[in-house]
């Protein structure tokens, strides 16, 4: 019985310390490692996209998809074309982004 108590008294501080270490590691991972990995991936894709060939095409496609996903995350209210149209009935990319809620009407 004394042996079990002795073992448990040694394991409890180790388990408690493991939780603290896990929280610290999670903080380091979430705040440092993941953003660095995302920046490295972005720079690599931009570098590849500036070249020629199938890898450059795939990198451009991936960057375009990421741009669309980022816009979708921050999208505002959708509007009608009538609400977003530019003076002189001009329809361009700015108007399309306004309709989709990606951009505020500033004209």
N, C-alpha and C. Protein backbone atom coordinates (compact mmCIF):
# COMPACT_ATOMS: atom_id res chain seq x y z
N UNK A 1 0.82 -1.18 0.00
CA UNK A 1 0.00 0.00 0.00
C UNK A 1 0.87 1.26 0.00
N UNK A 2 1.96 1.25 0.79
CA UNK A 2 2.85 2.40 0.84
C UNK A 2 3.52 2.62 -0.52
N UNK A 3 3.77 1.53 -1.21
CA UNK A 3 4.39 1.64 -2.54
C UNK A 3 3.47 2.33 -3.53
N UNK A 4 2.18 2.00 -3.47
CA UNK A 4 1.20 2.62 -4.37
C UNK A 4 1.09 4.11 -4.07
N UNK A 5 1.05 4.45 -2.77
CA UNK A 5 0.95 5.85 -2.38
C UNK A 5 2.20 6.60 -2.84
N UNK A 6 3.37 5.98 -2.72
CA UNK A 6 4.61 6.61 -3.14
C UNK A 6 4.62 6.84 -4.64
N UNK A 7 4.17 5.86 -5.40
CA UNK A 7 4.13 5.99 -6.85
C UNK A 7 3.14 7.09 -7.26
N UNK A 8 1.98 7.09 -6.64
CA UNK A 8 0.98 8.11 -6.97
C UNK A 8 1.47 9.51 -6.60
N UNK A 9 2.19 9.61 -5.48
CA UNK A 9 2.70 10.92 -5.09
C UNK A 9 3.75 11.43 -6.06
N UNK A 10 4.41 10.53 -6.77
CA UNK A 10 5.36 10.93 -7.79
C UNK A 10 4.67 11.25 -9.12
N UNK A 11 3.61 10.52 -9.43
CA UNK A 11 2.94 10.70 -10.72
C UNK A 11 2.08 11.96 -10.78
N UNK A 12 1.45 12.34 -9.69
CA UNK A 12 0.55 13.50 -9.70
C UNK A 12 1.29 14.77 -10.12
N UNK A 13 2.46 15.10 -9.54
CA UNK A 13 3.16 16.30 -10.01
C UNK A 13 3.61 16.20 -11.47
N UNK A 14 3.97 15.01 -11.91
CA UNK A 14 4.39 14.82 -13.31
C UNK A 14 3.22 15.08 -14.24
N UNK A 15 2.05 14.58 -13.91
CA UNK A 15 0.86 14.79 -14.74
C UNK A 15 0.48 16.26 -14.76
N UNK A 16 0.55 16.91 -13.60
CA UNK A 16 0.23 18.34 -13.53
C UNK A 16 1.23 19.15 -14.35
N UNK A 17 2.49 18.80 -14.30
CA UNK A 17 3.52 19.48 -15.08
C UNK A 17 3.30 19.25 -16.57
N UNK A 18 2.87 18.06 -16.94
CA UNK A 18 2.61 17.75 -18.35
C UNK A 18 1.52 18.64 -18.91
N UNK A 19 0.50 18.94 -18.12
CA UNK A 19 -0.56 19.84 -18.58
C UNK A 19 -0.02 21.24 -18.83
N UNK A 20 0.84 21.72 -17.94
CA UNK A 20 1.43 23.04 -18.10
C UNK A 20 2.30 23.08 -19.35
N UNK A 21 3.10 22.04 -19.55
CA UNK A 21 3.96 21.96 -20.72
C UNK A 21 3.12 21.89 -21.99
N UNK A 22 2.02 21.12 -21.98
CA UNK A 22 1.14 21.04 -23.14
C UNK A 22 0.53 22.40 -23.46
N UNK A 23 0.11 23.14 -22.43
CA UNK A 23 -0.46 24.47 -22.66
C UNK A 23 0.59 25.42 -23.24
N UNK A 24 1.80 25.35 -22.72
CA UNK A 24 2.88 26.20 -23.23
C UNK A 24 3.21 25.83 -24.67
N UNK A 25 3.29 24.54 -24.96
CA UNK A 25 3.58 24.10 -26.32
C UNK A 25 2.47 24.51 -27.27
N UNK A 26 1.23 24.41 -26.82
CA UNK A 26 0.10 24.83 -27.66
C UNK A 26 0.17 26.33 -27.94
N UNK A 27 0.53 27.11 -26.94
CA UNK A 27 0.68 28.55 -27.13
C UNK A 27 1.77 28.88 -28.12
N UNK A 28 2.89 28.20 -28.03
CA UNK A 28 4.00 28.42 -28.96
C UNK A 28 3.57 28.02 -30.37
N UNK A 29 2.91 26.88 -30.48
CA UNK A 29 2.47 26.40 -31.78
C UNK A 29 1.46 27.35 -32.40
N UNK A 30 0.45 27.74 -31.62
CA UNK A 30 -0.62 28.59 -32.16
C UNK A 30 -0.14 29.99 -32.50
N UNK A 31 0.77 30.54 -31.71
CA UNK A 31 1.17 31.94 -31.88
C UNK A 31 2.43 32.14 -32.70
N UNK A 32 3.25 31.11 -32.84
CA UNK A 32 4.53 31.29 -33.54
C UNK A 32 4.67 30.35 -34.73
N UNK A 33 4.57 29.07 -34.49
CA UNK A 33 4.88 28.08 -35.52
C UNK A 33 3.87 28.12 -36.66
N UNK A 34 2.58 28.14 -36.37
CA UNK A 34 1.56 28.12 -37.42
C UNK A 34 1.62 29.38 -38.28
N UNK A 35 1.70 30.61 -37.70
CA UNK A 35 1.82 31.79 -38.57
C UNK A 35 3.09 31.77 -39.44
N UNK A 36 4.20 31.29 -38.88
CA UNK A 36 5.43 31.22 -39.68
C UNK A 36 5.28 30.24 -40.83
N UNK A 37 4.66 29.09 -40.57
CA UNK A 37 4.45 28.11 -41.63
C UNK A 37 3.53 28.66 -42.71
N UNK A 38 2.50 29.40 -42.31
CA UNK A 38 1.58 29.99 -43.29
C UNK A 38 2.30 31.04 -44.14
N UNK A 39 3.14 31.85 -43.53
CA UNK A 39 3.90 32.86 -44.29
C UNK A 39 4.87 32.20 -45.25
N UNK A 40 5.53 31.15 -44.80
CA UNK A 40 6.46 30.43 -45.67
C UNK A 40 5.73 29.83 -46.86
N UNK A 41 4.57 29.24 -46.61
CA UNK A 41 3.78 28.66 -47.69
C UNK A 41 3.35 29.75 -48.68
N UNK A 42 2.90 30.89 -48.16
CA UNK A 42 2.47 32.00 -49.02
C UNK A 42 3.63 32.49 -49.89
N UNK A 43 4.79 32.68 -49.30
CA UNK A 43 5.95 33.16 -50.06
C UNK A 43 6.39 32.14 -51.11
N UNK A 44 6.35 30.87 -50.74
CA UNK A 44 6.72 29.82 -51.69
C UNK A 44 5.76 29.80 -52.87
N UNK A 45 4.45 29.88 -52.58
CA UNK A 45 3.47 29.88 -53.66
C UNK A 45 3.65 31.10 -54.56
N UNK A 46 3.88 32.27 -53.98
CA UNK A 46 4.07 33.48 -54.79
C UNK A 46 5.32 33.37 -55.66
N UNK A 47 6.36 32.77 -55.11
CA UNK A 47 7.58 32.57 -55.88
C UNK A 47 7.34 31.61 -57.04
N UNK A 48 6.66 30.52 -56.77
CA UNK A 48 6.35 29.56 -57.82
C UNK A 48 5.43 30.15 -58.87
N UNK A 49 4.45 30.96 -58.43
CA UNK A 49 3.47 31.53 -59.36
C UNK A 49 4.10 32.52 -60.32
N UNK A 50 5.24 33.07 -59.97
CA UNK A 50 5.88 34.04 -60.85
C UNK A 50 6.64 33.37 -61.99
N UNK A 51 6.76 32.06 -61.94
CA UNK A 51 7.49 31.34 -62.97
C UNK A 51 6.60 30.85 -64.10
N UNK A 52 7.09 29.85 -64.82
CA UNK A 52 6.36 29.25 -65.94
C UNK A 52 6.25 27.75 -65.71
N UNK A 53 5.29 27.15 -66.37
CA UNK A 53 5.14 25.71 -66.30
C UNK A 53 3.97 25.27 -65.45
N UNK A 54 3.81 23.96 -65.32
CA UNK A 54 2.65 23.43 -64.60
C UNK A 54 2.65 23.76 -63.10
N UNK A 55 3.81 23.83 -62.49
CA UNK A 55 3.84 24.19 -61.07
C UNK A 55 3.43 25.63 -60.87
N UNK A 56 3.82 26.51 -61.78
CA UNK A 56 3.43 27.91 -61.69
C UNK A 56 1.92 28.05 -61.87
N UNK A 57 1.35 27.30 -62.79
CA UNK A 57 -0.10 27.34 -63.01
C UNK A 57 -0.84 26.87 -61.76
N UNK A 58 -0.37 25.79 -61.16
CA UNK A 58 -1.00 25.27 -59.95
C UNK A 58 -0.86 26.25 -58.79
N UNK A 59 0.28 26.91 -58.69
CA UNK A 59 0.49 27.88 -57.61
C UNK A 59 -0.44 29.08 -57.79
N UNK A 60 -0.59 29.56 -59.03
CA UNK A 60 -1.52 30.67 -59.28
C UNK A 60 -2.95 30.28 -58.94
N UNK A 61 -3.32 29.07 -59.31
CA UNK A 61 -4.67 28.58 -59.01
C UNK A 61 -4.89 28.50 -57.50
N UNK A 62 -3.90 28.00 -56.77
CA UNK A 62 -4.01 27.88 -55.32
C UNK A 62 -4.09 29.25 -54.66
N UNK A 63 -3.29 30.20 -55.13
CA UNK A 63 -3.34 31.56 -54.58
C UNK A 63 -4.71 32.20 -54.84
N UNK A 64 -5.26 31.96 -56.01
CA UNK A 64 -6.58 32.50 -56.33
C UNK A 64 -7.64 31.91 -55.40
N UNK A 65 -7.57 30.61 -55.16
CA UNK A 65 -8.52 29.95 -54.26
C UNK A 65 -8.39 30.49 -52.83
N UNK A 66 -7.16 30.70 -52.39
CA UNK A 66 -6.95 31.25 -51.04
C UNK A 66 -7.49 32.66 -50.92
N UNK A 67 -7.33 33.45 -51.99
CA UNK A 67 -7.84 34.81 -52.00
C UNK A 67 -9.36 34.81 -51.91
N UNK A 68 -10.00 33.92 -52.64
CA UNK A 68 -11.46 33.81 -52.59
C UNK A 68 -11.92 33.37 -51.21
N UNK A 69 -11.24 32.39 -50.63
CA UNK A 69 -11.61 31.91 -49.29
C UNK A 69 -11.46 33.02 -48.25
N UNK A 70 -10.39 33.81 -48.37
CA UNK A 70 -10.17 34.92 -47.43
C UNK A 70 -11.27 35.97 -47.57
N UNK A 71 -11.65 36.26 -48.81
CA UNK A 71 -12.73 37.22 -49.04
C UNK A 71 -14.05 36.70 -48.48
N UNK A 72 -14.30 35.41 -48.62
CA UNK A 72 -15.53 34.83 -48.10
C UNK A 72 -15.60 34.93 -46.58
N UNK A 73 -14.46 34.79 -45.92
CA UNK A 73 -14.43 34.87 -44.46
C UNK A 73 -14.77 36.27 -43.96
N UNK A 74 -14.39 37.28 -44.72
CA UNK A 74 -14.60 38.66 -44.28
C UNK A 74 -15.73 39.34 -45.04
N UNK A 75 -16.56 38.55 -45.70
CA UNK A 75 -17.62 39.12 -46.52
C UNK A 75 -18.66 39.84 -45.69
N UNK A 76 -19.11 40.97 -46.21
CA UNK A 76 -20.18 41.73 -45.57
C UNK A 76 -21.52 41.36 -46.19
N UNK A 77 -22.44 42.30 -46.14
CA UNK A 77 -23.76 42.08 -46.70
C UNK A 77 -23.73 42.10 -48.21
N UNK A 78 -24.51 41.21 -48.82
CA UNK A 78 -24.64 41.24 -50.27
C UNK A 78 -25.60 42.35 -50.65
N UNK A 79 -25.36 42.94 -51.81
CA UNK A 79 -26.19 44.05 -52.28
C UNK A 79 -26.65 43.76 -53.71
N UNK A 80 -27.57 44.55 -54.17
CA UNK A 80 -28.01 44.43 -55.55
C UNK A 80 -27.07 45.24 -56.44
N UNK A 81 -27.12 44.94 -57.73
CA UNK A 81 -26.31 45.69 -58.69
C UNK A 81 -26.75 47.15 -58.68
N UNK A 82 -28.03 47.38 -58.52
CA UNK A 82 -28.55 48.75 -58.49
C UNK A 82 -27.92 49.55 -57.35
N UNK A 83 -27.69 48.91 -56.21
CA UNK A 83 -27.08 49.59 -55.06
C UNK A 83 -25.59 49.87 -55.27
N UNK A 84 -24.93 49.06 -56.08
CA UNK A 84 -23.48 49.15 -56.22
C UNK A 84 -23.00 49.77 -57.52
N UNK A 85 -23.87 49.96 -58.48
CA UNK A 85 -23.44 50.41 -59.80
C UNK A 85 -22.76 51.78 -59.71
N UNK A 86 -21.75 51.96 -60.54
CA UNK A 86 -20.99 53.22 -60.57
C UNK A 86 -21.72 54.25 -61.42
N UNK A 87 -21.38 55.53 -61.23
CA UNK A 87 -21.98 56.57 -62.06
C UNK A 87 -21.72 56.30 -63.55
N UNK A 88 -22.72 56.57 -64.37
CA UNK A 88 -22.60 56.29 -65.80
C UNK A 88 -22.90 54.84 -66.11
N UNK A 89 -23.53 54.13 -65.17
CA UNK A 89 -23.89 52.71 -65.33
C UNK A 89 -22.68 51.82 -65.65
N UNK A 90 -21.57 52.10 -65.00
CA UNK A 90 -20.35 51.32 -65.21
C UNK A 90 -20.39 50.08 -64.34
N UNK A 91 -20.18 48.93 -64.96
CA UNK A 91 -20.08 47.65 -64.25
C UNK A 91 -18.66 47.13 -64.42
N UNK A 92 -17.93 47.03 -63.32
CA UNK A 92 -16.57 46.51 -63.38
C UNK A 92 -16.34 45.60 -62.18
N UNK A 93 -15.09 45.23 -61.97
CA UNK A 93 -14.75 44.31 -60.87
C UNK A 93 -15.10 44.90 -59.51
N UNK A 94 -14.94 46.21 -59.35
CA UNK A 94 -15.29 46.85 -58.09
C UNK A 94 -16.78 46.67 -57.78
N UNK A 95 -17.61 46.83 -58.80
CA UNK A 95 -19.05 46.67 -58.62
C UNK A 95 -19.38 45.22 -58.27
N UNK A 96 -18.73 44.28 -58.95
CA UNK A 96 -18.97 42.87 -58.66
C UNK A 96 -18.58 42.53 -57.21
N UNK A 97 -17.47 43.08 -56.75
CA UNK A 97 -17.04 42.84 -55.37
C UNK A 97 -18.02 43.48 -54.39
N UNK A 98 -18.56 44.63 -54.73
CA UNK A 98 -19.56 45.29 -53.88
C UNK A 98 -20.81 44.43 -53.79
N UNK A 99 -21.25 43.89 -54.92
CA UNK A 99 -22.46 43.05 -54.95
C UNK A 99 -22.26 41.81 -54.09
N UNK A 100 -21.09 41.22 -54.14
CA UNK A 100 -20.81 40.01 -53.36
C UNK A 100 -20.53 40.29 -51.89
N UNK A 101 -20.35 41.57 -51.54
CA UNK A 101 -20.11 41.93 -50.16
C UNK A 101 -18.65 41.95 -49.78
N UNK A 102 -17.76 41.89 -50.76
CA UNK A 102 -16.32 41.90 -50.48
C UNK A 102 -15.79 43.31 -50.30
N UNK A 103 -16.53 44.31 -50.79
CA UNK A 103 -16.03 45.68 -50.80
C UNK A 103 -17.20 46.63 -50.50
N UNK A 104 -16.88 47.70 -49.79
CA UNK A 104 -17.87 48.74 -49.54
C UNK A 104 -17.96 49.67 -50.74
N UNK A 105 -19.13 50.24 -50.96
CA UNK A 105 -19.29 51.19 -52.06
C UNK A 105 -18.65 52.51 -51.65
N UNK A 106 -17.62 52.94 -52.38
CA UNK A 106 -16.90 54.17 -52.07
C UNK A 106 -16.95 55.17 -53.22
N UNK A 107 -17.78 54.93 -54.21
CA UNK A 107 -17.86 55.82 -55.36
C UNK A 107 -19.18 56.53 -55.40
